[in-house]
Amino acid sequence: MEVYESLLAALKSDFDLVRKLKESERGRVSVVRHRLSGRRYIFRQFEGGCEVYRRLLGVKCPNLPEVYEVGERAGAAAVLEEYIQGDTLAFLLRGGALSAAGARVVAAPLCRALWVL
């Protein structure tokens, strides 16, 4: 069985949907929970290549979610990655401009993540 198919099979047998974060014509992003461990993950399923995610397999960076599994078949991709609890950058910017101290708190880890990418 290919990685793509085994990832979809595991999702059905071992995980429960917690909530959909995003859905479009191209794909969807969901939070899923492993039934035995209770641990949460991000599951992405989309049309297109997954070379970026494949390159991130095994990369350890405290400012990026860890990618655990990547599967691709006939232009469709599936990715299982670490779920990180916290506010998104979009949420932080909704209130308007950040203070200088707030901007440093947000920008430093963001720059470290971009350096790895």
N, C-alpha and C. Protein backbone atom coordinates (compact mmCIF):
# COMPACT_ATOMS: atom_id res chain seq x y z
N MET A 1 0.85 -1.18 0.00
CA MET A 1 0.00 0.00 0.00
C MET A 1 0.89 1.24 0.00
N GLU A 2 0.55 2.21 -0.82
CA GLU A 2 1.30 3.46 -0.89
C GLU A 2 1.12 4.28 0.38
N VAL A 3 2.03 5.22 0.60
CA VAL A 3 1.95 6.08 1.78
C VAL A 3 0.65 6.87 1.78
N TYR A 4 0.26 7.39 0.61
CA TYR A 4 -0.96 8.18 0.52
C TYR A 4 -2.16 7.37 0.98
N GLU A 5 -2.31 6.18 0.44
CA GLU A 5 -3.45 5.33 0.79
C GLU A 5 -3.40 4.87 2.25
N SER A 6 -2.21 4.55 2.75
CA SER A 6 -2.11 4.11 4.14
C SER A 6 -2.40 5.27 5.10
N LEU A 7 -2.04 6.48 4.72
CA LEU A 7 -2.34 7.65 5.55
C LEU A 7 -3.85 7.88 5.61
N LEU A 8 -4.53 7.77 4.48
CA LEU A 8 -5.99 7.93 4.47
C LEU A 8 -6.68 6.81 5.25
N ALA A 9 -6.17 5.59 5.13
CA ALA A 9 -6.74 4.46 5.87
C ALA A 9 -6.55 4.66 7.37
N ALA A 10 -5.36 5.11 7.79
CA ALA A 10 -5.10 5.36 9.21
C ALA A 10 -5.98 6.48 9.73
N LEU A 11 -6.21 7.48 8.91
CA LEU A 11 -7.06 8.59 9.33
C LEU A 11 -8.47 8.09 9.64
N LYS A 12 -8.98 7.20 8.81
CA LYS A 12 -10.33 6.66 9.04
C LYS A 12 -10.39 5.73 10.24
N SER A 13 -9.36 4.92 10.44
CA SER A 13 -9.42 3.91 11.50
C SER A 13 -8.90 4.38 12.86
N ASP A 14 -7.99 5.36 12.86
CA ASP A 14 -7.30 5.71 14.12
C ASP A 14 -7.54 7.14 14.61
N PHE A 15 -8.21 7.97 13.82
CA PHE A 15 -8.36 9.39 14.16
C PHE A 15 -9.82 9.81 14.11
N ASP A 16 -10.14 10.82 14.91
CA ASP A 16 -11.46 11.46 14.87
C ASP A 16 -11.26 12.91 14.45
N LEU A 17 -12.21 13.42 13.68
CA LEU A 17 -12.19 14.82 13.28
C LEU A 17 -12.57 15.67 14.48
N VAL A 18 -11.73 16.67 14.79
CA VAL A 18 -12.04 17.62 15.85
C VAL A 18 -12.77 18.81 15.23
N ARG A 19 -12.18 19.38 14.18
CA ARG A 19 -12.84 20.47 13.45
C ARG A 19 -12.10 20.76 12.16
N LYS A 20 -12.84 21.28 11.19
CA LYS A 20 -12.24 21.74 9.94
C LYS A 20 -11.75 23.16 10.16
N LEU A 21 -10.52 23.42 9.74
CA LEU A 21 -9.97 24.77 9.86
C LEU A 21 -10.19 25.56 8.57
N LYS A 22 -10.12 24.86 7.45
CA LYS A 22 -10.21 25.53 6.16
C LYS A 22 -10.64 24.52 5.11
N GLU A 23 -11.51 24.96 4.20
CA GLU A 23 -11.89 24.09 3.09
C GLU A 23 -12.09 24.95 1.85
N SER A 24 -11.56 24.49 0.72
CA SER A 24 -11.70 25.20 -0.54
C SER A 24 -11.82 24.17 -1.66
N GLU A 25 -11.92 24.64 -2.88
CA GLU A 25 -11.98 23.74 -4.03
C GLU A 25 -10.72 22.88 -4.11
N ARG A 26 -9.61 23.43 -3.67
CA ARG A 26 -8.31 22.76 -3.79
C ARG A 26 -8.04 21.74 -2.69
N GLY A 27 -8.70 21.89 -1.53
CA GLY A 27 -8.44 20.94 -0.45
C GLY A 27 -9.01 21.38 0.88
N ARG A 28 -8.51 20.73 1.94
CA ARG A 28 -8.99 21.05 3.27
C ARG A 28 -7.88 20.85 4.31
N VAL A 29 -8.05 21.57 5.42
CA VAL A 29 -7.15 21.45 6.56
C VAL A 29 -8.02 21.20 7.78
N SER A 30 -7.67 20.16 8.54
CA SER A 30 -8.48 19.78 9.70
C SER A 30 -7.59 19.50 10.91
N VAL A 31 -8.19 19.66 12.09
CA VAL A 31 -7.57 19.19 13.32
C VAL A 31 -8.18 17.82 13.58
N VAL A 32 -7.31 16.83 13.79
CA VAL A 32 -7.77 15.47 14.08
C VAL A 32 -7.15 15.01 15.40
N ARG A 33 -7.82 14.06 16.06
CA ARG A 33 -7.33 13.53 17.34
C ARG A 33 -7.12 12.04 17.20
N HIS A 34 -5.94 11.57 17.62
CA HIS A 34 -5.65 10.15 17.62
C HIS A 34 -6.49 9.50 18.71
N ARG A 35 -7.20 8.45 18.37
CA ARG A 35 -8.15 7.83 19.31
C ARG A 35 -7.49 7.25 20.55
N LEU A 36 -6.34 6.62 20.41
CA LEU A 36 -5.69 5.99 21.57
C LEU A 36 -4.94 6.99 22.44
N SER A 37 -4.14 7.85 21.82
CA SER A 37 -3.30 8.76 22.60
C SER A 37 -4.02 10.04 23.00
N GLY A 38 -5.07 10.42 22.23
CA GLY A 38 -5.75 11.68 22.48
C GLY A 38 -5.00 12.88 21.92
N ARG A 39 -3.88 12.64 21.31
CA ARG A 39 -3.04 13.71 20.78
C ARG A 39 -3.66 14.30 19.52
N ARG A 40 -3.55 15.61 19.37
CA ARG A 40 -4.09 16.31 18.20
C ARG A 40 -3.02 16.49 17.14
N TYR A 41 -3.48 16.50 15.89
CA TYR A 41 -2.62 16.70 14.72
C TYR A 41 -3.34 17.58 13.71
N ILE A 42 -2.59 18.11 12.78
CA ILE A 42 -3.15 18.80 11.62
C ILE A 42 -3.09 17.82 10.46
N PHE A 43 -4.21 17.68 9.76
CA PHE A 43 -4.24 16.84 8.56
C PHE A 43 -4.61 17.73 7.38
N ARG A 44 -3.75 17.71 6.37
CA ARG A 44 -3.97 18.48 5.15
C ARG A 44 -4.19 17.51 4.00
N GLN A 45 -5.19 17.78 3.20
CA GLN A 45 -5.42 17.00 2.00
C GLN A 45 -5.72 18.01 0.90
N PHE A 46 -4.93 17.96 -0.18
CA PHE A 46 -5.06 18.99 -1.21
C PHE A 46 -4.60 18.48 -2.56
N GLU A 47 -4.97 19.21 -3.60
CA GLU A 47 -4.51 18.94 -4.95
C GLU A 47 -3.19 19.65 -5.14
N GLY A 48 -2.26 18.98 -5.77
CA GLY A 48 -0.97 19.60 -6.04
C GLY A 48 0.16 18.79 -5.44
N GLY A 49 1.36 19.30 -5.66
CA GLY A 49 2.55 18.61 -5.17
C GLY A 49 2.80 18.89 -3.71
N CYS A 50 3.56 18.01 -3.10
CA CYS A 50 3.86 18.16 -1.67
C CYS A 50 5.37 18.14 -1.42
N GLU A 51 6.14 18.61 -2.39
CA GLU A 51 7.59 18.59 -2.26
C GLU A 51 8.07 19.36 -1.03
N VAL A 52 7.45 20.50 -0.74
CA VAL A 52 7.86 21.29 0.43
C VAL A 52 7.68 20.48 1.71
N TYR A 53 6.54 19.82 1.84
CA TYR A 53 6.29 19.01 3.03
C TYR A 53 7.24 17.81 3.08
N ARG A 54 7.51 17.23 1.95
CA ARG A 54 8.44 16.09 1.90
C ARG A 54 9.83 16.52 2.39
N ARG A 55 10.25 17.71 1.99
CA ARG A 55 11.56 18.22 2.43
C ARG A 55 11.59 18.52 3.92
N LEU A 56 10.42 18.81 4.49
CA LEU A 56 10.35 19.12 5.92
C LEU A 56 10.24 17.89 6.81
N LEU A 57 10.06 16.70 6.21
CA LEU A 57 10.03 15.47 7.00
C LEU A 57 11.33 15.35 7.78
N GLY A 58 11.23 15.20 9.07
CA GLY A 58 12.41 15.02 9.91
C GLY A 58 13.10 16.30 10.32
N VAL A 59 12.66 17.46 9.83
CA VAL A 59 13.26 18.74 10.22
C VAL A 59 12.74 19.10 11.61
N LYS A 60 13.66 19.38 12.52
CA LYS A 60 13.29 19.76 13.88
C LYS A 60 13.59 21.24 14.06
N CYS A 61 12.56 22.02 14.27
CA CYS A 61 12.69 23.46 14.51
C CYS A 61 11.58 23.85 15.48
N PRO A 62 11.91 24.48 16.60
CA PRO A 62 10.87 24.83 17.57
C PRO A 62 9.87 25.85 17.04
N ASN A 63 10.16 26.47 15.90
CA ASN A 63 9.27 27.49 15.35
C ASN A 63 8.46 27.01 14.16
N LEU A 64 8.56 25.72 13.85
CA LEU A 64 7.79 25.12 12.75
C LEU A 64 7.12 23.85 13.26
N PRO A 65 5.93 23.56 12.75
CA PRO A 65 5.32 22.28 13.13
C PRO A 65 6.10 21.13 12.50
N GLU A 66 6.23 20.04 13.23
CA GLU A 66 6.93 18.87 12.71
C GLU A 66 6.00 18.14 11.73
N VAL A 67 6.55 17.77 10.57
CA VAL A 67 5.80 17.02 9.58
C VAL A 67 6.08 15.54 9.83
N TYR A 68 5.02 14.76 10.06
CA TYR A 68 5.17 13.35 10.41
C TYR A 68 5.04 12.41 9.23
N GLU A 69 4.16 12.73 8.30
CA GLU A 69 3.93 11.83 7.18
C GLU A 69 3.44 12.62 5.97
N VAL A 70 3.92 12.22 4.79
CA VAL A 70 3.54 12.87 3.54
C VAL A 70 3.26 11.79 2.52
N GLY A 71 2.12 11.89 1.87
CA GLY A 71 1.77 10.95 0.81
C GLY A 71 1.23 11.70 -0.40
N GLU A 72 1.51 11.16 -1.57
CA GLU A 72 1.06 11.80 -2.80
C GLU A 72 0.67 10.72 -3.80
N ARG A 73 -0.43 10.99 -4.52
CA ARG A 73 -0.87 10.06 -5.55
C ARG A 73 -1.66 10.83 -6.60
N ALA A 74 -1.23 10.73 -7.84
CA ALA A 74 -1.95 11.30 -8.98
C ALA A 74 -2.36 12.76 -8.76
N GLY A 75 -1.45 13.57 -8.27
CA GLY A 75 -1.74 14.99 -8.09
C GLY A 75 -2.49 15.34 -6.82
N ALA A 76 -2.74 14.36 -5.96
CA ALA A 76 -3.40 14.61 -4.68
C ALA A 76 -2.37 14.37 -3.57
N ALA A 77 -2.40 15.22 -2.55
CA ALA A 77 -1.44 15.11 -1.46
C ALA A 77 -2.18 15.01 -0.12
N ALA A 78 -1.53 14.32 0.83
CA ALA A 78 -2.02 14.19 2.20
C ALA A 78 -0.84 14.37 3.13
N VAL A 79 -1.02 15.19 4.16
CA VAL A 79 0.07 15.52 5.09
C VAL A 79 -0.46 15.46 6.52
N LEU A 80 0.29 14.79 7.39
CA LEU A 80 -0.01 14.76 8.82
C LEU A 80 1.11 15.50 9.52
N GLU A 81 0.75 16.53 10.28
CA GLU A 81 1.77 17.33 10.95
C GLU A 81 1.37 17.66 12.38
N GLU A 82 2.32 18.17 13.11
CA GLU A 82 2.13 18.54 14.50
C GLU A 82 1.07 19.64 14.64
N TYR A 83 0.24 19.49 15.65
CA TYR A 83 -0.72 20.54 16.01
C TYR A 83 -0.07 21.40 17.07
N ILE A 84 -0.06 22.70 16.85
CA ILE A 84 0.52 23.63 17.82
C ILE A 84 -0.59 24.54 18.33
N GLN A 85 -0.83 24.47 19.62
CA GLN A 85 -1.85 25.30 20.25
C GLN A 85 -1.34 26.73 20.35
N GLY A 86 -2.16 27.68 19.98
CA GLY A 86 -1.77 29.08 20.11
C GLY A 86 -2.48 29.96 19.11
N ASP A 87 -2.19 31.23 19.18
CA ASP A 87 -2.80 32.20 18.29
C ASP A 87 -2.08 32.23 16.95
N THR A 88 -2.84 32.47 15.89
CA THR A 88 -2.23 32.63 14.57
C THR A 88 -1.76 34.07 14.40
N LEU A 89 -0.88 34.29 13.44
CA LEU A 89 -0.42 35.64 13.14
C LEU A 89 -1.60 36.51 12.71
N ALA A 90 -2.52 35.94 11.94
CA ALA A 90 -3.70 36.70 11.51
C ALA A 90 -4.50 37.17 12.72
N PHE A 91 -4.65 36.32 13.71
CA PHE A 91 -5.39 36.69 14.92
C PHE A 91 -4.68 37.82 15.65
N LEU A 92 -3.35 37.73 15.77
CA LEU A 92 -2.59 38.76 16.48
C LEU A 92 -2.68 40.11 15.78
N LEU A 93 -2.77 40.09 14.47
CA LEU A 93 -2.81 41.35 13.72
C LEU A 93 -4.21 41.93 13.58
N ARG A 94 -5.23 41.19 13.95
CA ARG A 94 -6.62 41.68 13.85
C ARG A 94 -6.84 42.94 14.67
N GLY A 95 -6.18 43.04 15.79
CA GLY A 95 -6.37 44.19 16.66
C GLY A 95 -5.64 45.44 16.18
N GLY A 96 -4.97 45.37 15.05
CA GLY A 96 -4.24 46.53 14.54
C GLY A 96 -2.74 46.32 14.71
N ALA A 97 -2.03 47.42 14.66
CA ALA A 97 -0.57 47.35 14.76
C ALA A 97 -0.14 46.87 16.14
N LEU A 98 0.93 46.09 16.16
CA LEU A 98 1.49 45.63 17.43
C LEU A 98 2.43 46.69 17.98
N SER A 99 2.62 46.69 19.27
CA SER A 99 3.63 47.57 19.87
C SER A 99 5.00 47.07 19.43
N ALA A 100 6.02 47.85 19.65
CA ALA A 100 7.38 47.45 19.29
C ALA A 100 7.77 46.17 20.02
N ALA A 101 7.45 46.08 21.30
CA ALA A 101 7.77 44.87 22.08
C ALA A 101 6.97 43.68 21.56
N GLY A 102 5.70 43.89 21.26
CA GLY A 102 4.87 42.81 20.71
C GLY A 102 5.37 42.34 19.36
N ALA A 103 5.79 43.28 18.54
CA ALA A 103 6.33 42.93 17.21
C ALA A 103 7.59 42.09 17.35
N ARG A 104 8.44 42.41 18.31
CA ARG A 104 9.67 41.61 18.52
C ARG A 104 9.33 40.19 18.95
N VAL A 105 8.33 40.07 19.83
CA VAL A 105 7.92 38.75 20.31
C VAL A 105 7.41 37.89 19.15
N VAL A 106 6.70 38.49 18.22
CA VAL A 106 6.15 37.76 17.07
C VAL A 106 7.21 37.56 15.99
N ALA A 107 8.00 38.60 15.71
CA ALA A 107 8.93 38.57 14.57
C ALA A 107 10.12 37.63 14.78
N ALA A 108 10.64 37.54 15.98
CA ALA A 108 11.84 36.72 16.21
C ALA A 108 11.60 35.24 15.87
N PRO A 109 10.56 34.58 16.39
CA PRO A 109 10.34 33.19 16.02
C PRO A 109 9.96 33.04 14.55
N LEU A 110 9.24 34.01 14.02
CA LEU A 110 8.88 33.97 12.60
C LEU A 110 10.13 34.00 11.72
N CYS A 111 11.07 34.85 12.06
CA CYS A 111 12.33 34.93 11.31
C CYS A 111 13.13 33.63 11.43
N ARG A 112 13.13 33.01 12.61
CA ARG A 112 13.84 31.74 12.77
C ARG A 112 13.20 30.65 11.91
N ALA A 113 11.88 30.64 11.85
CA ALA A 113 11.19 29.66 11.00
C ALA A 113 11.50 29.90 9.53
N LEU A 114 11.48 31.15 9.11
CA LEU A 114 11.79 31.46 7.71
C LEU A 114 13.22 31.09 7.35
N TRP A 115 14.14 31.25 8.30
CA TRP A 115 15.54 30.87 8.05
C TRP A 115 15.64 29.37 7.74
N VAL A 116 14.93 28.57 8.51
CA VAL A 116 14.93 27.11 8.27
C VAL A 116 14.29 26.80 6.92
N LEU A 117 13.19 27.47 6.62
CA LEU A 117 12.52 27.22 5.34
C LEU A 117 13.38 27.65 4.18
